Amino acid sequence: MRRCRQCKMCVMKIRGNEVVLFQGDSITDAGRWDAGPDSLGNGYAMMTANWFTARFPEMGVGFINRGISGDRARDLKRRWEEDALSLKPDWTSIMIGINDCWRKYDSGDPMRAEDFENDCRDILSRSRKAGSRLILMEPFLLPTPPDREAWREDLDPKLEAVRRLAREFDAVLVPLDGIFREASRAKPPAFWAADGVHPSLAGHALISQSWLSAMGVEG
């Protein structure tokens, strides 16, 4: 039996007139600066906000994107007051970690998993203290080009840190690493992210769908 619209809204975690903040690196940024700092960009944040607003316009939910390309966890920590706490979001959604891995391979600037976890814990603690509920999105990595597979040695401990932090802070976890690996059974990894990291439009749509599902928004 099909459930009614009202019942679907009852299982959603988001409530009317709340504000959702998206934070992270280039995957969240998704070109938002090209259209101005208040843009949602052209990726999953924009897709999520527009889909949700089109579906539930009467709820008056607001969406903000403050992702910055190239950021690592320590960069979020440095700008957290201005770009997160001062905005007073009801929900703070964070996707970070792939640059903490990548810089080891392209710049010889590694980040220990323990330091990554501590930086993330700092910003999560500050957001929770400010009253924001939390959403953690796993960084993901696909094996394209083939050398990306070697990065798992560095990324996997950071993934485990994200999962631990989700439990510690009772955050909603969006398990993107497994979701993208499963999706790559239907289409090759390059279909979802040509360089194994930056999503295609289909990849961004998959992130958006996964985010909405984790937040109890039924399709």
Foldseek 3Di string as FASTA:
>chain_A
DDDDPVVLVVQFQDAAQFEEEEEEACLQPQVQPVVNQFGRHDFLQVVLVVVVCVVCVVRNYHYGYRYYHLDALVNCLVCVVPRPLVVLGQEYEYEHDPSLLVCCPPPVDHDQLVNSLVSVVVSLVVCVVSNHAYEYEYAAFDCPPVVRVVSCVRRVSNRVSSVVVCVVRVHQYQDVHVVLVVVCVVPNSCQQPVRRGHGDRVVRVSSNVSVCVSSSNDD
